[in-house]
Amino acid sequence: MQQQLISVLAHQIDRDPDSLRPEMTFRELEVDSLTLIEVIVTLESDLGIDLPADLDGVTAETTLGRAAEIIQTTAAGERRPAVDVASAAREARTP
């Protein structure tokens, strides 16, 4: 997730992805709220999930590494693992 976030953000702010490090903050990169929303929309499209526009815990002082963790956790909550789906299907068929 971290590399995907860095790649999308680098494209949005017209920077080389190799110049972005996980310990950098959005403020340090001069990322405004509109740019952050654009990054979220792109990640939603790439991941096939819905992320809240105001990711809880992501602020100007959040590092890219921490933001990636928050997005990963949020994304995991949006998806139901295949194992759980299969288990639910079996349970539904059991008399």
PDB file of N, CA and C in Angstrom:
ATOM      1  N   MET A   1       0.825  -1.187   0.000  1.00  0.00           N
ATOM      2  CA  MET A   1       0.000   0.000   0.000  1.00  0.00           C
ATOM      3  C   MET A   1       0.871   1.254   0.000  1.00  0.00           C
ATOM      4  N   GLN A   2       1.965   1.191   0.752  1.00  0.00           N
ATOM      5  CA  GLN A   2       2.820   2.367   0.868  1.00  0.00           C
ATOM      6  C   GLN A   2       3.358   2.796  -0.502  1.00  0.00           C
ATOM      7  N   GLN A   3       3.839   1.830  -1.287  1.00  0.00           N
ATOM      8  CA  GLN A   3       4.367   2.156  -2.611  1.00  0.00           C
ATOM      9  C   GLN A   3       3.278   2.680  -3.524  1.00  0.00           C
ATOM     10  N   GLN A   4       2.078   2.125  -3.412  1.00  0.00           N
ATOM     11  CA  GLN A   4       0.961   2.579  -4.237  1.00  0.00           C
ATOM     12  C   GLN A   4       0.592   4.017  -3.874  1.00  0.00           C
ATOM     13  N   LEU A   5       0.519   4.316  -2.589  1.00  0.00           N
ATOM     14  CA  LEU A   5       0.227   5.675  -2.138  1.00  0.00           C
ATOM     15  C   LEU A   5       1.299   6.637  -2.644  1.00  0.00           C
ATOM     16  N   ILE A   6       2.553   6.275  -2.488  1.00  0.00           N
ATOM     17  CA  ILE A   6       3.648   7.147  -2.922  1.00  0.00           C
ATOM     18  C   ILE A   6       3.588   7.365  -4.424  1.00  0.00           C
ATOM     19  N   SER A   7       3.303   6.326  -5.170  1.00  0.00           N
ATOM     20  CA  SER A   7       3.221   6.442  -6.628  1.00  0.00           C
ATOM     21  C   SER A   7       2.097   7.390  -7.046  1.00  0.00           C
ATOM     22  N   VAL A   8       0.926   7.212  -6.463  1.00  0.00           N
ATOM     23  CA  VAL A   8      -0.224   8.068  -6.797  1.00  0.00           C
ATOM     24  C   VAL A   8       0.045   9.511  -6.377  1.00  0.00           C
ATOM     25  N   LEU A   9       0.564   9.695  -5.166  1.00  0.00           N
ATOM     26  CA  LEU A   9       0.848  11.039  -4.674  1.00  0.00           C
ATOM     27  C   LEU A   9       1.906  11.716  -5.530  1.00  0.00           C
ATOM     28  N   ALA A  10       2.965  10.997  -5.869  1.00  0.00           N
ATOM     29  CA  ALA A  10       4.031  11.571  -6.696  1.00  0.00           C
ATOM     30  C   ALA A  10       3.470  12.070  -8.024  1.00  0.00           C
ATOM     31  N   HIS A  11       2.582  11.296  -8.602  1.00  0.00           N
ATOM     32  CA  HIS A  11       1.955  11.721  -9.858  1.00  0.00           C
ATOM     33  C   HIS A  11       1.131  12.991  -9.649  1.00  0.00           C
ATOM     34  N   GLN A  12       0.370  13.039  -8.556  1.00  0.00           N
ATOM     35  CA  GLN A  12      -0.494  14.202  -8.291  1.00  0.00           C
ATOM     36  C   GLN A  12       0.300  15.481  -8.054  1.00  0.00           C
ATOM     37  N   ILE A  13       1.464  15.354  -7.402  1.00  0.00           N
ATOM     38  CA  ILE A  13       2.235  16.563  -7.076  1.00  0.00           C
ATOM     39  C   ILE A  13       3.432  16.747  -8.005  1.00  0.00           C
ATOM     40  N   ASP A  14       3.460  15.942  -9.072  1.00  0.00           N
ATOM     41  CA  ASP A  14       4.484  16.060 -10.106  1.00  0.00           C
ATOM     42  C   ASP A  14       5.901  15.940  -9.529  1.00  0.00           C
ATOM     43  N   ARG A  15       6.100  14.878  -8.767  1.00  0.00           N
ATOM     44  CA  ARG A  15       7.418  14.589  -8.184  1.00  0.00           C
ATOM     45  C   ARG A  15       7.829  13.184  -8.559  1.00  0.00           C
ATOM     46  N   ASP A  16       9.113  12.927  -8.515  1.00  0.00           N
ATOM     47  CA  ASP A  16       9.642  11.594  -8.757  1.00  0.00           C
ATOM     48  C   ASP A  16       9.300  10.735  -7.538  1.00  0.00           C
ATOM     49  N   PRO A  17       8.667   9.576  -7.737  1.00  0.00           N
ATOM     50  CA  PRO A  17       8.320   8.723  -6.594  1.00  0.00           C
ATOM     51  C   PRO A  17       9.527   8.377  -5.720  1.00  0.00           C
ATOM     52  N   ASP A  18      10.701   8.270  -6.329  1.00  0.00           N
ATOM     53  CA  ASP A  18      11.898   7.949  -5.556  1.00  0.00           C
ATOM     54  C   ASP A  18      12.306   9.072  -4.609  1.00  0.00           C
ATOM     55  N   SER A  19      11.765  10.278  -4.822  1.00  0.00           N
ATOM     56  CA  SER A  19      12.106  11.403  -3.945  1.00  0.00           C
ATOM     57  C   SER A  19      11.218  11.450  -2.703  1.00  0.00           C
ATOM     58  N   LEU A  20      10.170  10.620  -2.679  1.00  0.00           N
ATOM     59  CA  LEU A  20       9.248  10.587  -1.537  1.00  0.00           C
ATOM     60  C   LEU A  20       9.634   9.446  -0.614  1.00  0.00           C
ATOM     61  N   ARG A  21       9.661   9.756   0.680  1.00  0.00           N
ATOM     62  CA  ARG A  21      10.011   8.761   1.691  1.00  0.00           C
ATOM     63  C   ARG A  21       8.844   8.586   2.662  1.00  0.00           C
ATOM     64  N   PRO A  22       8.696   7.394   3.224  1.00  0.00           N
ATOM     65  CA  PRO A  22       7.577   7.117   4.126  1.00  0.00           C
ATOM     66  C   PRO A  22       7.512   8.045   5.338  1.00  0.00           C
ATOM     67  N   GLU A  23       8.645   8.578   5.779  1.00  0.00           N
ATOM     68  CA  GLU A  23       8.639   9.442   6.966  1.00  0.00           C
ATOM     69  C   GLU A  23       8.273  10.894   6.660  1.00  0.00           C
ATOM     70  N   MET A  24       8.063  11.213   5.386  1.00  0.00           N
ATOM     71  CA  MET A  24       7.676  12.582   5.018  1.00  0.00           C
ATOM     72  C   MET A  24       6.203  12.813   5.353  1.00  0.00           C
ATOM     73  N   THR A  25       5.885  14.037   5.762  1.00  0.00           N
ATOM     74  CA  THR A  25       4.489  14.381   6.059  1.00  0.00           C
ATOM     75  C   THR A  25       3.858  15.066   4.855  1.00  0.00           C
ATOM     76  N   PHE A  26       2.527  15.087   4.858  1.00  0.00           N
ATOM     77  CA  PHE A  26       1.812  15.788   3.796  1.00  0.00           C
ATOM     78  C   PHE A  26       2.152  17.281   3.821  1.00  0.00           C
ATOM     79  N   ARG A  27       2.307  17.851   5.013  1.00  0.00           N
ATOM     80  CA  ARG A  27       2.665  19.268   5.127  1.00  0.00           C
ATOM     81  C   ARG A  27       4.032  19.530   4.503  1.00  0.00           C
ATOM     82  N   GLU A  28       4.983  18.667   4.808  1.00  0.00           N
ATOM     83  CA  GLU A  28       6.325  18.791   4.259  1.00  0.00           C
ATOM     84  C   GLU A  28       6.303  18.780   2.726  1.00  0.00           C
ATOM     85  N   LEU A  29       5.377  18.013   2.164  1.00  0.00           N
ATOM     86  CA  LEU A  29       5.245  17.917   0.708  1.00  0.00           C
ATOM     87  C   LEU A  29       4.311  18.981   0.137  1.00  0.00           C
ATOM     88  N   GLU A  30       3.787  19.835   1.021  1.00  0.00           N
ATOM     89  CA  GLU A  30       2.863  20.908   0.646  1.00  0.00           C
ATOM     90  C   GLU A  30       1.617  20.371  -0.062  1.00  0.00           C
ATOM     91  N   VAL A  31       1.107  19.246   0.460  1.00  0.00           N
ATOM     92  CA  VAL A  31      -0.097  18.639  -0.087  1.00  0.00           C
ATOM     93  C   VAL A  31      -1.304  19.285   0.584  1.00  0.00           C
ATOM     94  N   ASP A  32      -2.187  19.861  -0.223  1.00  0.00           N
ATOM     95  CA  ASP A  32      -3.393  20.474   0.332  1.00  0.00           C
ATOM     96  C   ASP A  32      -4.528  19.456   0.358  1.00  0.00           C
ATOM     97  N   SER A  33      -5.639  19.852   0.939  1.00  0.00           N
ATOM     98  CA  SER A  33      -6.753  18.921   1.116  1.00  0.00           C
ATOM     99  C   SER A  33      -7.338  18.468  -0.223  1.00  0.00           C
ATOM    100  N   LEU A  34      -7.362  19.324  -1.212  1.00  0.00           N
ATOM    101  CA  LEU A  34      -7.888  18.949  -2.525  1.00  0.00           C
ATOM    102  C   LEU A  34      -7.009  17.865  -3.163  1.00  0.00           C
ATOM    103  N   THR A  35      -5.707  18.037  -3.062  1.00  0.00           N
ATOM    104  CA  THR A  35      -4.792  17.037  -3.615  1.00  0.00           C
ATOM    105  C   THR A  35      -4.962  15.712  -2.892  1.00  0.00           C
ATOM    106  N   LEU A  36      -5.122  15.766  -1.575  1.00  0.00           N
ATOM    107  CA  LEU A  36      -5.317  14.540  -0.806  1.00  0.00           C
ATOM    108  C   LEU A  36      -6.598  13.831  -1.249  1.00  0.00           C
ATOM    109  N   ILE A  37      -7.654  14.573  -1.494  1.00  0.00           N
ATOM    110  CA  ILE A  37      -8.909  13.974  -1.974  1.00  0.00           C
ATOM    111  C   ILE A  37      -8.692  13.331  -3.337  1.00  0.00           C
ATOM    112  N   GLU A  38      -7.939  13.994  -4.206  1.00  0.00           N
ATOM    113  CA  GLU A  38      -7.646  13.420  -5.524  1.00  0.00           C
ATOM    114  C   GLU A  38      -6.867  12.112  -5.391  1.00  0.00           C
ATOM    115  N   VAL A  39      -5.944  12.073  -4.442  1.00  0.00           N
ATOM    116  CA  VAL A  39      -5.182  10.846  -4.188  1.00  0.00           C
ATOM    117  C   VAL A  39      -6.128   9.745  -3.711  1.00  0.00           C
ATOM    118  N   ILE A  40      -7.024  10.072  -2.804  1.00  0.00           N
ATOM    119  CA  ILE A  40      -7.977   9.094  -2.279  1.00  0.00           C
ATOM    120  C   ILE A  40      -8.866   8.561  -3.395  1.00  0.00           C
ATOM    121  N   VAL A  41      -9.357   9.438  -4.257  1.00  0.00           N
ATOM    122  CA  VAL A  41     -10.220   9.022  -5.371  1.00  0.00           C
ATOM    123  C   VAL A  41      -9.464   8.070  -6.303  1.00  0.00           C
ATOM    124  N   THR A  42      -8.212   8.374  -6.573  1.00  0.00           N
ATOM    125  CA  THR A  42      -7.399   7.505  -7.434  1.00  0.00           C
ATOM    126  C   THR A  42      -7.179   6.149  -6.776  1.00  0.00           C
ATOM    127  N   LEU A  43      -6.872   6.155  -5.487  1.00  0.00           N
ATOM    128  CA  LEU A  43      -6.681   4.888  -4.776  1.00  0.00           C
ATOM    129  C   LEU A  43      -7.973   4.074  -4.754  1.00  0.00           C
ATOM    130  N   GLU A  44      -9.108   4.742  -4.579  1.00  0.00           N
ATOM    131  CA  GLU A  44     -10.397   4.043  -4.611  1.00  0.00           C
ATOM    132  C   GLU A  44     -10.565   3.308  -5.936  1.00  0.00           C
ATOM    133  N   SER A  45     -10.269   4.005  -7.006  1.00  0.00           N
ATOM    134  CA  SER A  45     -10.392   3.419  -8.332  1.00  0.00           C
ATOM    135  C   SER A  45      -9.422   2.249  -8.502  1.00  0.00           C
ATOM    136  N   ASP A  46      -8.188   2.438  -8.080  1.00  0.00           N
ATOM    137  CA  ASP A  46      -7.168   1.401  -8.205  1.00  0.00           C
ATOM    138  C   ASP A  46      -7.493   0.168  -7.362  1.00  0.00           C
ATOM    139  N   LEU A  47      -8.036   0.391  -6.161  1.00  0.00           N
ATOM    140  CA  LEU A  47      -8.303  -0.703  -5.225  1.00  0.00           C
ATOM    141  C   LEU A  47      -9.702  -1.291  -5.358  1.00  0.00           C
ATOM    142  N   GLY A  48     -10.606  -0.561  -6.019  1.00  0.00           N
ATOM    143  CA  GLY A  48     -11.974  -1.029  -6.169  1.00  0.00           C
ATOM    144  C   GLY A  48     -12.776  -0.982  -4.886  1.00  0.00           C
ATOM    145  N   ILE A  49     -12.498   0.022  -4.032  1.00  0.00           N
ATOM    146  CA  ILE A  49     -13.230   0.171  -2.769  1.00  0.00           C
ATOM    147  C   ILE A  49     -13.620   1.625  -2.580  1.00  0.00           C
ATOM    148  N   ASP A  50     -14.434   1.873  -1.568  1.00  0.00           N
ATOM    149  CA  ASP A  50     -14.789   3.233  -1.190  1.00  0.00           C
ATOM    150  C   ASP A  50     -14.015   3.615   0.057  1.00  0.00           C
ATOM    151  N   LEU A  51     -13.313   4.734  -0.009  1.00  0.00           N
ATOM    152  CA  LEU A  51     -12.611   5.278   1.149  1.00  0.00           C
ATOM    153  C   LEU A  51     -13.278   6.588   1.530  1.00  0.00           C
ATOM    154  N   PRO A  52     -13.402   6.877   2.812  1.00  0.00           N
ATOM    155  CA  PRO A  52     -13.986   8.158   3.207  1.00  0.00           C
ATOM    156  C   PRO A  52     -13.072   9.308   2.781  1.00  0.00           C
ATOM    157  N   ALA A  53     -13.662  10.404   2.335  1.00  0.00           N
ATOM    158  CA  ALA A  53     -12.882  11.562   1.887  1.00  0.00           C
ATOM    159  C   ALA A  53     -12.018  12.112   3.017  1.00  0.00           C
ATOM    160  N   ASP A  54     -12.506  11.974   4.240  1.00  0.00           N
ATOM    161  CA  ASP A  54     -11.744  12.453   5.393  1.00  0.00           C
ATOM    162  C   ASP A  54     -11.234  11.248   6.187  1.00  0.00           C
ATOM    163  N   LEU A  55     -10.246  10.566   5.643  1.00  0.00           N
ATOM    164  CA  LEU A  55      -9.709   9.387   6.310  1.00  0.00           C
ATOM    165  C   LEU A  55      -9.362   9.727   7.745  1.00  0.00           C
ATOM    166  N   ASP A  56      -9.986   9.025   8.653  1.00  0.00           N
ATOM    167  CA  ASP A  56      -9.794   9.264  10.078  1.00  0.00           C
ATOM    168  C   ASP A  56      -8.332   9.072  10.452  1.00  0.00           C
ATOM    169  N   GLY A  57      -7.714  10.106  10.982  1.00  0.00           N
ATOM    170  CA  GLY A  57      -6.336  10.013  11.412  1.00  0.00           C
ATOM    171  C   GLY A  57      -5.327  10.569  10.424  1.00  0.00           C
ATOM    172  N   VAL A  58      -5.765  10.914   9.206  1.00  0.00           N
ATOM    173  CA  VAL A  58      -4.849  11.481   8.217  1.00  0.00           C
ATOM    174  C   VAL A  58      -4.983  13.002   8.246  1.00  0.00           C
ATOM    175  N   THR A  59      -3.892  13.660   8.650  1.00  0.00           N
ATOM    176  CA  THR A  59      -3.846  15.122   8.718  1.00  0.00           C
ATOM    177  C   THR A  59      -2.599  15.603   7.984  1.00  0.00           C
ATOM    178  N   ALA A  60      -2.380  16.889   7.992  1.00  0.00           N
ATOM    179  CA  ALA A  60      -1.193  17.453   7.352  1.00  0.00           C
ATOM    180  C   ALA A  60       0.089  16.930   7.981  1.00  0.00           C
ATOM    181  N   GLU A  61       0.013  16.568   9.254  1.00  0.00           N
ATOM    182  CA  GLU A  61       1.205  16.082   9.968  1.00  0.00           C
ATOM    183  C   GLU A  61       1.413  14.573   9.857  1.00  0.00           C
ATOM    184  N   THR A  62       0.505  13.880   9.192  1.00  0.00           N
ATOM    185  CA  THR A  62       0.614  12.431   9.036  1.00  0.00           C
ATOM    186  C   THR A  62       1.718  12.108   8.045  1.00  0.00           C
ATOM    187  N   THR A  63       2.516  11.102   8.396  1.00  0.00           N
ATOM    188  CA  THR A  63       3.553  10.665   7.460  1.00  0.00           C
ATOM    189  C   THR A  63       2.920   9.793   6.371  1.00  0.00           C
ATOM    190  N   LEU A  64       3.618   9.671   5.274  1.00  0.00           N
ATOM    191  CA  LEU A  64       3.116   8.827   4.189  1.00  0.00           C
ATOM    192  C   LEU A  64       3.006   7.378   4.646  1.00  0.00           C
ATOM    193  N   GLY A  65       3.962   6.936   5.439  1.00  0.00           N
ATOM    194  CA  GLY A  65       3.916   5.569   5.955  1.00  0.00           C
ATOM    195  C   GLY A  65       2.701   5.319   6.818  1.00  0.00           C
ATOM    196  N   ARG A  66       2.410   6.257   7.712  1.00  0.00           N
ATOM    197  CA  ARG A  66       1.241   6.118   8.589  1.00  0.00           C
ATOM    198  C   ARG A  66      -0.047   6.202   7.777  1.00  0.00           C
ATOM    199  N   ALA A  67      -0.097   7.097   6.801  1.00  0.00           N
ATOM    200  CA  ALA A  67      -1.286   7.219   5.945  1.00  0.00           C
ATOM    201  C   ALA A  67      -1.539   5.907   5.208  1.00  0.00           C
ATOM    202  N   ALA A  68      -0.468   5.266   4.725  1.00  0.00           N
ATOM    203  CA  ALA A  68      -0.614   3.982   4.032  1.00  0.00           C
ATOM    204  C   ALA A  68      -1.193   2.929   4.973  1.00  0.00           C
ATOM    205  N   GLU A  69      -0.749   2.933   6.235  1.00  0.00           N
ATOM    206  CA  GLU A  69      -1.293   1.994   7.218  1.00  0.00           C
ATOM    207  C   GLU A  69      -2.782   2.237   7.442  1.00  0.00           C
ATOM    208  N   ILE A  70      -3.168   3.503   7.564  1.00  0.00           N
ATOM    209  CA  ILE A  70      -4.581   3.848   7.780  1.00  0.00           C
ATOM    210  C   ILE A  70      -5.419   3.425   6.578  1.00  0.00           C
ATOM    211  N   ILE A  71      -4.912   3.685   5.377  1.00  0.00           N
ATOM    212  CA  ILE A  71      -5.649   3.306   4.166  1.00  0.00           C
ATOM    213  C   ILE A  71      -5.761   1.790   4.088  1.00  0.00           C
ATOM    214  N   GLN A  72      -4.690   1.073   4.400  1.00  0.00           N
ATOM    215  CA  GLN A  72      -4.710  -0.390   4.371  1.00  0.00           C
ATOM    216  C   GLN A  72      -5.747  -0.936   5.345  1.00  0.00           C
ATOM    217  N   THR A  73      -5.783  -0.387   6.547  1.00  0.00           N
ATOM    218  CA  THR A  73      -6.751  -0.825   7.553  1.00  0.00           C
ATOM    219  C   THR A  73      -8.169  -0.531   7.096  1.00  0.00           C
ATOM    220  N   THR A  74      -8.383   0.656   6.542  1.00  0.00           N
ATOM    221  CA  THR A  74      -9.710   1.037   6.055  1.00  0.00           C
ATOM    222  C   THR A  74     -10.126   0.143   4.892  1.00  0.00           C
ATOM    223  N   ALA A  75      -9.196  -0.114   3.982  1.00  0.00           N
ATOM    224  CA  ALA A  75      -9.487  -0.967   2.826  1.00  0.00           C
ATOM    225  C   ALA A  75      -9.824  -2.383   3.272  1.00  0.00           C
ATOM    226  N   ALA A  76      -9.108  -2.880   4.256  1.00  0.00           N
ATOM    227  CA  ALA A  76      -9.366  -4.234   4.765  1.00  0.00           C
ATOM    228  C   ALA A  76     -10.767  -4.328   5.349  1.00  0.00           C
ATOM    229  N   GLY A  77     -11.242  -3.256   5.958  1.00  0.00           N
ATOM    230  CA  GLY A  77     -12.587  -3.238   6.520  1.00  0.00           C
ATOM    231  C   GLY A  77     -13.665  -3.206   5.458  1.00  0.00           C
ATOM    232  N   GLU A  78     -13.309  -2.772   4.261  1.00  0.00           N
ATOM    233  CA  GLU A  78     -14.261  -2.688   3.162  1.00  0.00           C
ATOM    234  C   GLU A  78     -14.424  -4.016   2.429  1.00  0.00           C
ATOM    235  N   ARG A  79     -13.421  -4.868   2.531  1.00  0.00           N
ATOM    236  CA  ARG A  79     -13.438  -6.136   1.814  1.00  0.00           C
ATOM    237  C   ARG A  79     -13.698  -7.277   2.775  1.00  0.00           C
ATOM    238  N   ARG A  80     -14.348  -8.268   2.291  1.00  0.00           N
ATOM    239  CA  ARG A  80     -14.562  -9.477   3.079  1.00  0.00           C
ATOM    240  C   ARG A  80     -13.696 -10.559   2.474  1.00  0.00           C
ATOM    241  N   PRO A  81     -12.773 -11.119   3.233  1.00  0.00           N
ATOM    242  CA  PRO A  81     -11.881 -12.134   2.669  1.00  0.00           C
ATOM    243  C   PRO A  81     -12.645 -13.290   2.038  1.00  0.00           C
ATOM    244  N   ALA A  82     -12.088 -13.868   0.990  1.00  0.00           N
ATOM    245  CA  ALA A  82     -12.727 -14.964   0.259  1.00  0.00           C
ATOM    246  C   ALA A  82     -13.042 -16.138   1.182  1.00  0.00           C
ATOM    247  N   VAL A  83     -12.177 -16.388   2.147  1.00  0.00           N
ATOM    248  CA  VAL A  83     -12.406 -17.495   3.080  1.00  0.00           C
ATOM    249  C   VAL A  83     -13.693 -17.263   3.851  1.00  0.00           C
ATOM    250  N   ASP A  84     -13.923 -16.054   4.317  1.00  0.00           N
ATOM    251  CA  ASP A  84     -15.146 -15.751   5.050  1.00  0.00           C
ATOM    252  C   ASP A  84     -16.370 -15.905   4.165  1.00  0.00           C
ATOM    253  N   VAL A  85     -16.282 -15.483   2.921  1.00  0.00           N
ATOM    254  CA  VAL A  85     -17.411 -15.598   1.997  1.00  0.00           C
ATOM    255  C   VAL A  85     -17.728 -17.074   1.770  1.00  0.00           C
ATOM    256  N   ALA A  86     -16.690 -17.876   1.553  1.00  0.00           N
ATOM    257  CA  ALA A  86     -16.898 -19.306   1.331  1.00  0.00           C
ATOM    258  C   ALA A  86     -17.509 -19.954   2.568  1.00  0.00           C
ATOM    259  N   SER A  87     -17.023 -19.610   3.745  1.00  0.00           N
ATOM    260  CA  SER A  87     -17.571 -20.156   4.991  1.00  0.00           C
ATOM    261  C   SER A  87     -19.035 -19.781   5.156  1.00  0.00           C
ATOM    262  N   ALA A  88     -19.350 -18.556   4.868  1.00  0.00           N
ATOM    263  CA  ALA A  88     -20.736 -18.091   4.984  1.00  0.00           C
ATOM    264  C   ALA A  88     -21.642 -18.840   4.014  1.00  0.00           C
ATOM    265  N   ALA A  89     -21.137 -19.089   2.809  1.00  0.00           N
ATOM    266  CA  ALA A  89     -21.933 -19.814   1.820  1.00  0.00           C
ATOM    267  C   ALA A  89     -22.189 -21.249   2.283  1.00  0.00           C
ATOM    268  N   ARG A  90     -21.151 -21.887   2.850  1.00  0.00           N
ATOM    269  CA  ARG A  90     -21.331 -23.254   3.359  1.00  0.00           C
ATOM    270  C   ARG A  90     -22.328 -23.286   4.509  1.00  0.00           C
ATOM    271  N   GLU A  91     -22.216 -22.320   5.411  1.00  0.00           N
ATOM    272  CA  GLU A  91     -23.125 -22.271   6.557  1.00  0.00           C
ATOM    273  C   GLU A  91     -24.550 -22.048   6.109  1.00  0.00           C
ATOM    274  N   ALA A  92     -24.731 -21.244   5.075  1.00  0.00           N
ATOM    275  CA  ALA A  92     -26.088 -20.967   4.583  1.00  0.00           C
ATOM    276  C   ALA A  92     -26.718 -22.216   3.987  1.00  0.00           C
ATOM    277  N   ARG A  93     -25.909 -23.121   3.445  1.00  0.00           N
ATOM    278  CA  ARG A  93     -26.435 -24.347   2.823  1.00  0.00           C
ATOM    279  C   ARG A  93     -26.657 -25.455   3.837  1.00  0.00           C
ATOM    280  N   THR A  94     -26.034 -25.334   4.999  1.00  0.00           N
ATOM    281  CA  THR A  94     -26.156 -26.374   6.020  1.00  0.00           C
ATOM    282  C   THR A  94     -27.530 -26.323   6.660  1.00  0.00           C
ATOM    283  N   PRO A  95     -28.233 -27.489   6.677  1.00  0.00           N
ATOM    284  CA  PRO A  95     -29.598 -27.493   7.253  1.00  0.00           C
ATOM    285  C   PRO A  95     -29.604 -27.303   8.740  1.00  0.00           C
TER     286      PRO A  95
END
